[in-house]
Amino acid sequence: MSSPTASAAPLVEPGSFLTLHYRLRGPAGVIIDTFAEKPATLSLGAGELSPAVEQCLIGLPEGTHTTFELPAGVAFGDRNPDMQQWVARKLLAELGDPDEQYHVGDVVQFPTPDGQGSYAGAVKELGADAVLFDFNHPLAGQPVSFEVQLIGVL
């Protein structure tokens, strides 16, 4: 009869549920950092992380603490000029606070067409009747450092 052996740490697979700390850093500094907060819990493949970032996690054992360096454009795609859009101030007033004052660099949440979610746009330019928003991910077209500490894998 064989003796029981200690099972190896579970590995991250597509569809795994993960509890982890992670930090995304671009050339300008940290964009997302959960290390000072409660760890994140997510399902791999549910779109909570970019596919390229998720791919870094596949095969890692629970307990891993590592950093990946992703070249420009890999983590969140290239910057798309079509993702910059002028939004009429009249529409902004209808969607939110009509007295809102916008400033370059502000990040504004917009509802999705189905009303079930939201997406963000950064103010790039102010016009008299409209505001130019950039809906690209802040790290699009940039090299990204992805640090992860896998706490749990289910």
N, C-alpha and C. Protein backbone atom coordinates (compact mmCIF):
# COMPACT_ATOMS: atom_id res chain seq x y z
N MET A 1 0.85 -1.17 0.00
CA MET A 1 0.00 0.00 0.00
C MET A 1 0.90 1.23 0.00
N SER A 2 0.58 2.19 -0.84
CA SER A 2 1.41 3.39 -0.91
C SER A 2 1.06 4.34 0.22
N SER A 3 2.05 5.08 0.64
CA SER A 3 1.80 6.03 1.72
C SER A 3 1.21 7.32 1.13
N PRO A 4 0.37 8.00 1.90
CA PRO A 4 -0.20 9.25 1.39
C PRO A 4 0.91 10.28 1.18
N THR A 5 0.78 11.03 0.12
CA THR A 5 1.76 12.08 -0.16
C THR A 5 1.07 13.43 -0.06
N ALA A 6 1.84 14.41 0.29
CA ALA A 6 1.29 15.77 0.36
C ALA A 6 0.94 16.21 -1.06
N SER A 7 -0.23 16.76 -1.19
CA SER A 7 -0.63 17.20 -2.53
C SER A 7 0.07 18.52 -2.86
N ALA A 8 0.39 18.67 -4.13
CA ALA A 8 1.06 19.87 -4.58
C ALA A 8 0.07 21.04 -4.53
N ALA A 9 0.61 22.24 -4.48
CA ALA A 9 -0.25 23.43 -4.47
C ALA A 9 -1.06 23.46 -5.76
N PRO A 10 -2.33 23.87 -5.67
CA PRO A 10 -3.14 23.95 -6.89
C PRO A 10 -2.56 24.96 -7.88
N LEU A 11 -2.69 24.64 -9.16
CA LEU A 11 -2.19 25.51 -10.22
C LEU A 11 -3.33 26.33 -10.81
N VAL A 12 -3.01 27.51 -11.28
CA VAL A 12 -3.99 28.36 -11.96
C VAL A 12 -4.29 27.75 -13.33
N GLU A 13 -5.57 27.58 -13.60
CA GLU A 13 -6.05 27.08 -14.89
C GLU A 13 -7.12 28.03 -15.42
N PRO A 14 -7.43 27.96 -16.72
CA PRO A 14 -8.54 28.77 -17.23
C PRO A 14 -9.80 28.46 -16.41
N GLY A 15 -10.49 29.50 -15.98
CA GLY A 15 -11.71 29.34 -15.19
C GLY A 15 -11.47 29.26 -13.69
N SER A 16 -10.21 29.25 -13.24
CA SER A 16 -9.92 29.19 -11.79
C SER A 16 -10.47 30.43 -11.08
N PHE A 17 -10.88 30.23 -9.83
CA PHE A 17 -11.21 31.34 -8.96
C PHE A 17 -9.96 31.66 -8.17
N LEU A 18 -9.58 32.95 -8.14
CA LEU A 18 -8.33 33.35 -7.52
C LEU A 18 -8.55 34.38 -6.43
N THR A 19 -7.77 34.27 -5.38
CA THR A 19 -7.64 35.33 -4.39
C THR A 19 -6.19 35.76 -4.49
N LEU A 20 -5.98 37.05 -4.75
CA LEU A 20 -4.63 37.51 -5.03
C LEU A 20 -4.47 38.98 -4.71
N HIS A 21 -3.24 39.37 -4.53
CA HIS A 21 -2.86 40.77 -4.54
C HIS A 21 -2.18 40.98 -5.88
N TYR A 22 -2.41 42.16 -6.48
CA TYR A 22 -1.69 42.47 -7.71
C TYR A 22 -1.46 43.96 -7.83
N ARG A 23 -0.43 44.27 -8.60
CA ARG A 23 -0.04 45.66 -8.83
C ARG A 23 0.27 45.80 -10.31
N LEU A 24 -0.37 46.77 -10.95
CA LEU A 24 -0.07 47.10 -12.34
C LEU A 24 0.63 48.44 -12.35
N ARG A 25 1.78 48.47 -13.00
CA ARG A 25 2.58 49.68 -13.02
C ARG A 25 2.99 49.96 -14.46
N GLY A 26 2.80 51.19 -14.87
CA GLY A 26 3.25 51.65 -16.18
C GLY A 26 4.43 52.60 -16.00
N PRO A 27 4.90 53.21 -17.09
CA PRO A 27 6.04 54.12 -17.00
C PRO A 27 5.80 55.30 -16.05
N ALA A 28 4.54 55.73 -15.91
CA ALA A 28 4.24 56.88 -15.05
C ALA A 28 4.00 56.47 -13.60
N GLY A 29 4.05 55.18 -13.30
CA GLY A 29 3.84 54.74 -11.93
C GLY A 29 2.72 53.73 -11.79
N VAL A 30 2.27 53.53 -10.56
CA VAL A 30 1.28 52.51 -10.24
C VAL A 30 -0.11 52.98 -10.66
N ILE A 31 -0.84 52.09 -11.34
CA ILE A 31 -2.21 52.36 -11.75
C ILE A 31 -3.18 51.64 -10.82
N ILE A 32 -2.93 50.37 -10.56
CA ILE A 32 -3.78 49.56 -9.68
C ILE A 32 -2.87 48.85 -8.69
N ASP A 33 -3.26 48.88 -7.40
CA ASP A 33 -2.45 48.23 -6.37
C ASP A 33 -3.37 47.75 -5.26
N THR A 34 -3.46 46.42 -5.09
CA THR A 34 -4.31 45.87 -4.02
C THR A 34 -3.50 45.45 -2.80
N PHE A 35 -2.16 45.60 -2.82
CA PHE A 35 -1.33 45.11 -1.73
C PHE A 35 -1.62 45.82 -0.40
N ALA A 36 -2.05 47.06 -0.44
CA ALA A 36 -2.34 47.80 0.79
C ALA A 36 -3.79 47.61 1.23
N GLU A 37 -4.57 46.88 0.44
CA GLU A 37 -5.99 46.70 0.71
C GLU A 37 -6.29 45.21 0.88
N LYS A 38 -7.59 44.90 0.91
CA LYS A 38 -8.00 43.50 0.91
C LYS A 38 -7.61 42.90 -0.44
N PRO A 39 -7.25 41.62 -0.47
CA PRO A 39 -6.91 41.00 -1.75
C PRO A 39 -8.12 40.96 -2.67
N ALA A 40 -7.86 40.90 -3.95
CA ALA A 40 -8.91 40.80 -4.96
C ALA A 40 -9.32 39.34 -5.10
N THR A 41 -10.57 39.12 -5.43
CA THR A 41 -11.07 37.79 -5.75
C THR A 41 -11.69 37.88 -7.13
N LEU A 42 -11.28 37.00 -8.01
CA LEU A 42 -11.79 37.06 -9.38
C LEU A 42 -11.80 35.67 -10.01
N SER A 43 -12.52 35.58 -11.10
CA SER A 43 -12.60 34.35 -11.88
C SER A 43 -11.82 34.55 -13.17
N LEU A 44 -10.83 33.71 -13.40
CA LEU A 44 -10.02 33.82 -14.61
C LEU A 44 -10.90 33.59 -15.83
N GLY A 45 -10.82 34.50 -16.78
CA GLY A 45 -11.62 34.38 -17.99
C GLY A 45 -12.90 35.19 -17.96
N ALA A 46 -13.18 35.86 -16.83
CA ALA A 46 -14.40 36.65 -16.71
C ALA A 46 -14.21 38.09 -17.18
N GLY A 47 -13.01 38.42 -17.66
CA GLY A 47 -12.77 39.75 -18.19
C GLY A 47 -12.35 40.78 -17.15
N GLU A 48 -12.04 40.35 -15.95
CA GLU A 48 -11.64 41.29 -14.91
C GLU A 48 -10.19 41.74 -15.08
N LEU A 49 -9.39 40.92 -15.74
CA LEU A 49 -8.02 41.27 -16.11
C LEU A 49 -7.91 41.13 -17.62
N SER A 50 -6.96 41.81 -18.22
CA SER A 50 -6.79 41.67 -19.66
C SER A 50 -6.35 40.24 -19.98
N PRO A 51 -6.67 39.73 -21.18
CA PRO A 51 -6.26 38.37 -21.54
C PRO A 51 -4.75 38.15 -21.43
N ALA A 52 -3.95 39.14 -21.78
CA ALA A 52 -2.49 38.99 -21.69
C ALA A 52 -2.04 38.87 -20.24
N VAL A 53 -2.66 39.63 -19.35
CA VAL A 53 -2.31 39.55 -17.93
C VAL A 53 -2.77 38.20 -17.37
N GLU A 54 -3.98 37.77 -17.74
CA GLU A 54 -4.47 36.46 -17.30
C GLU A 54 -3.54 35.34 -17.76
N GLN A 55 -3.02 35.44 -18.98
CA GLN A 55 -2.15 34.40 -19.54
C GLN A 55 -0.89 34.24 -18.68
N CYS A 56 -0.42 35.33 -18.07
CA CYS A 56 0.75 35.25 -17.18
C CYS A 56 0.48 34.36 -15.98
N LEU A 57 -0.79 34.27 -15.57
CA LEU A 57 -1.14 33.52 -14.35
C LEU A 57 -1.28 32.03 -14.58
N ILE A 58 -1.60 31.62 -15.82
CA ILE A 58 -1.85 30.21 -16.13
C ILE A 58 -0.62 29.37 -15.75
N GLY A 59 -0.86 28.34 -14.96
CA GLY A 59 0.20 27.41 -14.57
C GLY A 59 0.94 27.77 -13.29
N LEU A 60 0.67 28.96 -12.75
CA LEU A 60 1.35 29.34 -11.50
C LEU A 60 0.74 28.59 -10.32
N PRO A 61 1.56 28.12 -9.39
CA PRO A 61 1.01 27.47 -8.20
C PRO A 61 0.58 28.49 -7.15
N GLU A 62 -0.41 28.09 -6.36
CA GLU A 62 -0.86 28.90 -5.23
C GLU A 62 0.36 29.23 -4.38
N GLY A 63 0.42 30.47 -3.87
CA GLY A 63 1.53 30.90 -3.03
C GLY A 63 2.61 31.66 -3.79
N THR A 64 2.55 31.65 -5.12
CA THR A 64 3.55 32.34 -5.94
C THR A 64 3.49 33.85 -5.72
N HIS A 65 4.66 34.47 -5.65
CA HIS A 65 4.78 35.93 -5.64
C HIS A 65 5.85 36.25 -6.68
N THR A 66 5.41 36.86 -7.80
CA THR A 66 6.33 37.11 -8.90
C THR A 66 5.92 38.38 -9.65
N THR A 67 6.78 38.81 -10.55
CA THR A 67 6.52 39.99 -11.37
C THR A 67 6.79 39.65 -12.83
N PHE A 68 5.88 40.11 -13.71
CA PHE A 68 6.03 39.94 -15.15
C PHE A 68 6.21 41.31 -15.78
N GLU A 69 7.09 41.38 -16.75
CA GLU A 69 7.28 42.61 -17.52
C GLU A 69 6.68 42.39 -18.91
N LEU A 70 5.64 43.16 -19.24
CA LEU A 70 4.96 43.02 -20.52
C LEU A 70 5.33 44.19 -21.42
N PRO A 71 5.76 43.92 -22.67
CA PRO A 71 6.15 45.00 -23.58
C PRO A 71 4.98 45.93 -23.92
N ALA A 72 5.31 47.08 -24.44
CA ALA A 72 4.31 48.09 -24.83
C ALA A 72 3.24 47.46 -25.71
N GLY A 73 2.00 47.73 -25.36
CA GLY A 73 0.86 47.28 -26.17
C GLY A 73 0.37 45.87 -25.89
N VAL A 74 1.13 45.06 -25.16
CA VAL A 74 0.74 43.66 -24.94
C VAL A 74 -0.37 43.55 -23.90
N ALA A 75 -0.24 44.23 -22.77
CA ALA A 75 -1.19 44.07 -21.67
C ALA A 75 -2.57 44.63 -21.99
N PHE A 76 -2.63 45.81 -22.61
CA PHE A 76 -3.92 46.46 -22.85
C PHE A 76 -4.07 46.97 -24.27
N GLY A 77 -3.31 46.40 -25.18
CA GLY A 77 -3.42 46.78 -26.59
C GLY A 77 -2.74 48.11 -26.87
N ASP A 78 -2.74 48.46 -28.14
CA ASP A 78 -2.18 49.73 -28.57
C ASP A 78 -3.21 50.84 -28.34
N ARG A 79 -2.75 52.06 -28.25
CA ARG A 79 -3.66 53.20 -28.14
C ARG A 79 -4.42 53.31 -29.46
N ASN A 80 -5.71 53.51 -29.37
CA ASN A 80 -6.57 53.62 -30.54
C ASN A 80 -7.09 55.05 -30.62
N PRO A 81 -6.70 55.80 -31.67
CA PRO A 81 -7.16 57.19 -31.77
C PRO A 81 -8.69 57.30 -31.88
N ASP A 82 -9.34 56.24 -32.36
CA ASP A 82 -10.80 56.26 -32.45
C ASP A 82 -11.47 56.20 -31.08
N MET A 83 -10.69 55.89 -30.04
CA MET A 83 -11.24 55.82 -28.69
C MET A 83 -11.24 57.19 -28.01
N GLN A 84 -10.84 58.22 -28.75
CA GLN A 84 -10.98 59.59 -28.26
C GLN A 84 -12.22 60.17 -28.91
N GLN A 85 -13.14 60.64 -28.07
CA GLN A 85 -14.44 61.11 -28.57
C GLN A 85 -14.82 62.43 -27.90
N TRP A 86 -15.40 63.31 -28.72
CA TRP A 86 -15.99 64.53 -28.17
C TRP A 86 -17.38 64.17 -27.67
N VAL A 87 -17.71 64.59 -26.44
CA VAL A 87 -19.04 64.35 -25.87
C VAL A 87 -19.65 65.72 -25.58
N ALA A 88 -20.85 65.94 -26.12
CA ALA A 88 -21.53 67.23 -25.95
C ALA A 88 -21.80 67.50 -24.47
N ARG A 89 -21.57 68.73 -24.06
CA ARG A 89 -21.84 69.11 -22.67
C ARG A 89 -23.31 68.89 -22.32
N LYS A 90 -24.19 69.05 -23.30
CA LYS A 90 -25.63 68.83 -23.07
C LYS A 90 -25.87 67.37 -22.66
N LEU A 91 -25.21 66.43 -23.35
CA LEU A 91 -25.34 65.01 -23.02
C LEU A 91 -24.74 64.72 -21.64
N LEU A 92 -23.59 65.34 -21.35
CA LEU A 92 -22.96 65.15 -20.03
C LEU A 92 -23.90 65.62 -18.92
N ALA A 93 -24.60 66.73 -19.14
CA ALA A 93 -25.54 67.24 -18.14
C ALA A 93 -26.70 66.27 -17.94
N GLU A 94 -27.14 65.62 -19.04
CA GLU A 94 -28.24 64.65 -18.95
C GLU A 94 -27.80 63.39 -18.21
N LEU A 95 -26.55 62.98 -18.42
CA LEU A 95 -26.05 61.74 -17.81
C LEU A 95 -25.63 61.90 -16.36
N GLY A 96 -25.30 63.12 -15.96
CA GLY A 96 -24.78 63.32 -14.61
C GLY A 96 -25.25 64.63 -14.02
N ASP A 97 -24.38 65.24 -13.25
CA ASP A 97 -24.67 66.50 -12.59
C ASP A 97 -24.54 67.64 -13.60
N PRO A 98 -25.64 68.38 -13.85
CA PRO A 98 -25.57 69.46 -14.85
C PRO A 98 -24.60 70.58 -14.47
N ASP A 99 -24.23 70.68 -13.19
CA ASP A 99 -23.30 71.73 -12.76
C ASP A 99 -21.86 71.24 -12.65
N GLU A 100 -21.60 70.00 -13.09
CA GLU A 100 -20.27 69.42 -13.00
C GLU A 100 -19.26 70.27 -13.77
N GLN A 101 -18.12 70.51 -13.14
CA GLN A 101 -17.01 71.22 -13.80
C GLN A 101 -15.95 70.18 -14.16
N TYR A 102 -15.59 70.10 -15.42
CA TYR A 102 -14.59 69.12 -15.87
C TYR A 102 -13.24 69.79 -16.01
N HIS A 103 -12.19 69.01 -15.71
CA HIS A 103 -10.81 69.48 -15.81
C HIS A 103 -9.99 68.43 -16.54
N VAL A 104 -9.00 68.86 -17.30
CA VAL A 104 -8.12 67.93 -18.00
C VAL A 104 -7.50 66.98 -16.98
N GLY A 105 -7.58 65.69 -17.26
CA GLY A 105 -7.05 64.66 -16.38
C GLY A 105 -8.12 63.99 -15.54
N ASP A 106 -9.31 64.62 -15.39
CA ASP A 106 -10.40 63.98 -14.65
C ASP A 106 -10.78 62.67 -15.33
N VAL A 107 -11.15 61.69 -14.52
CA VAL A 107 -11.67 60.43 -15.05
C VAL A 107 -13.16 60.38 -14.70
N VAL A 108 -13.98 60.19 -15.74
CA VAL A 108 -15.43 60.23 -15.60
C VAL A 108 -16.01 58.87 -15.94
N GLN A 109 -16.94 58.40 -15.12
CA GLN A 109 -17.62 57.12 -15.37
C GLN A 109 -18.86 57.36 -16.23
N PHE A 110 -19.03 56.54 -17.24
CA PHE A 110 -20.20 56.60 -18.12
C PHE A 110 -20.95 55.28 -18.02
N PRO A 111 -22.30 55.32 -18.06
CA PRO A 111 -23.06 54.06 -18.04
C PRO A 111 -22.95 53.34 -19.39
N THR A 112 -22.94 52.01 -19.35
CA THR A 112 -22.98 51.25 -20.59
C THR A 112 -24.38 51.41 -21.18
N PRO A 113 -24.55 51.17 -22.48
CA PRO A 113 -25.87 51.33 -23.10
C PRO A 113 -26.97 50.50 -22.44
N ASP A 114 -26.61 49.33 -21.88
CA ASP A 114 -27.63 48.49 -21.23
C ASP A 114 -27.88 48.92 -19.78
N GLY A 115 -27.10 49.89 -19.28
CA GLY A 115 -27.29 50.38 -17.93
C GLY A 115 -26.78 49.45 -16.85
N GLN A 116 -26.17 48.33 -17.23
CA GLN A 116 -25.73 47.32 -16.25
C GLN A 116 -24.31 47.55 -15.74
N GLY A 117 -23.55 48.37 -16.43
CA GLY A 117 -22.16 48.57 -16.03
C GLY A 117 -21.73 50.00 -16.31
N SER A 118 -20.42 50.20 -16.30
CA SER A 118 -19.90 51.52 -16.61
C SER A 118 -18.53 51.38 -17.26
N TYR A 119 -18.07 52.46 -17.86
CA TYR A 119 -16.74 52.53 -18.43
C TYR A 119 -16.22 53.93 -18.18
N ALA A 120 -14.92 54.08 -18.21
CA ALA A 120 -14.31 55.35 -17.83
C ALA A 120 -13.67 56.03 -19.03
N GLY A 121 -13.69 57.35 -18.97
CA GLY A 121 -13.01 58.17 -19.96
C GLY A 121 -12.26 59.27 -19.24
N ALA A 122 -11.05 59.56 -19.71
CA ALA A 122 -10.24 60.62 -19.12
C ALA A 122 -10.40 61.89 -19.96
N VAL A 123 -10.61 63.02 -19.30
CA VAL A 123 -10.77 64.31 -19.98
C VAL A 123 -9.42 64.71 -20.58
N LYS A 124 -9.41 64.94 -21.91
CA LYS A 124 -8.19 65.33 -22.61
C LYS A 124 -8.20 66.81 -23.00
N GLU A 125 -9.40 67.33 -23.32
CA GLU A 125 -9.48 68.70 -23.81
C GLU A 125 -10.89 69.23 -23.52
N LEU A 126 -10.97 70.53 -23.24
CA LEU A 126 -12.26 71.17 -22.96
C LEU A 126 -12.62 72.11 -24.09
N GLY A 127 -13.85 71.98 -24.58
CA GLY A 127 -14.37 72.89 -25.58
C GLY A 127 -15.59 73.61 -25.03
N ALA A 128 -16.06 74.64 -25.72
CA ALA A 128 -17.20 75.41 -25.25
C ALA A 128 -18.46 74.55 -25.16
N ASP A 129 -18.67 73.69 -26.16
CA ASP A 129 -19.90 72.90 -26.22
C ASP A 129 -19.68 71.40 -26.02
N ALA A 130 -18.42 70.98 -25.90
CA ALA A 130 -18.14 69.55 -25.78
C ALA A 130 -16.82 69.34 -25.02
N VAL A 131 -16.64 68.11 -24.55
CA VAL A 131 -15.43 67.71 -23.83
C VAL A 131 -14.84 66.50 -24.56
N LEU A 132 -13.52 66.53 -24.80
CA LEU A 132 -12.85 65.41 -25.44
C LEU A 132 -12.43 64.41 -24.38
N PHE A 133 -12.92 63.15 -24.52
CA PHE A 133 -12.58 62.07 -23.60
C PHE A 133 -11.74 61.03 -24.32
N ASP A 134 -10.81 60.45 -23.58
CA ASP A 134 -10.01 59.33 -24.07
C ASP A 134 -10.50 58.09 -23.34
N PHE A 135 -11.08 57.15 -24.12
CA PHE A 135 -11.63 55.93 -23.54
C PHE A 135 -10.66 54.75 -23.63
N ASN A 136 -9.43 54.99 -24.06
CA ASN A 136 -8.40 53.96 -24.02
C ASN A 136 -8.09 53.62 -22.57
N HIS A 137 -7.67 52.37 -22.32
CA HIS A 137 -7.18 52.02 -20.99
C HIS A 137 -5.97 52.89 -20.71
N PRO A 138 -5.80 53.38 -19.46
CA PRO A 138 -4.65 54.25 -19.16
C PRO A 138 -3.30 53.63 -19.50
N LEU A 139 -3.20 52.29 -19.53
CA LEU A 139 -1.93 51.64 -19.84
C LEU A 139 -1.86 51.12 -21.29
N ALA A 140 -2.84 51.48 -22.11
CA ALA A 140 -2.80 51.06 -23.52
C ALA A 140 -1.56 51.64 -24.19
N GLY A 141 -0.87 50.80 -24.95
CA GLY A 141 0.31 51.25 -25.69
C GLY A 141 1.55 51.45 -24.85
N GLN A 142 1.51 51.03 -23.58
CA GLN A 142 2.65 51.24 -22.70
C GLN A 142 3.17 49.91 -22.17
N PRO A 143 4.46 49.85 -21.83
CA PRO A 143 4.96 48.65 -21.16
C PRO A 143 4.36 48.60 -19.75
N VAL A 144 4.10 47.38 -19.28
CA VAL A 144 3.44 47.20 -17.99
C VAL A 144 4.21 46.21 -17.14
N SER A 145 4.37 46.54 -15.88
CA SER A 145 4.90 45.62 -14.89
C SER A 145 3.71 45.08 -14.12
N PHE A 146 3.58 43.75 -14.05
CA PHE A 146 2.47 43.09 -13.37
C PHE A 146 3.03 42.24 -12.25
N GLU A 147 2.84 42.69 -11.01
CA GLU A 147 3.29 41.95 -9.84
C GLU A 147 2.08 41.24 -9.25
N VAL A 148 2.25 39.97 -8.90
CA VAL A 148 1.13 39.19 -8.36
C VAL A 148 1.60 38.33 -7.20
N GLN A 149 0.73 38.22 -6.20
CA GLN A 149 0.91 37.28 -5.10
C GLN A 149 -0.38 36.45 -5.03
N LEU A 150 -0.26 35.17 -5.42
CA LEU A 150 -1.42 34.27 -5.44
C LEU A 150 -1.66 33.70 -4.04
N ILE A 151 -2.76 34.10 -3.44
CA ILE A 151 -3.08 33.66 -2.09
C ILE A 151 -3.87 32.36 -2.12
N GLY A 152 -4.84 32.27 -3.04
CA GLY A 152 -5.65 31.08 -3.13
C GLY A 152 -6.07 30.77 -4.54
N VAL A 153 -6.14 29.49 -4.89
CA VAL A 153 -6.56 29.03 -6.21
C VAL A 153 -7.60 27.95 -6.01
N LEU A 154 -8.79 28.16 -6.56
CA LEU A 154 -9.85 27.15 -6.50
C LEU A 154 -10.26 26.75 -7.91
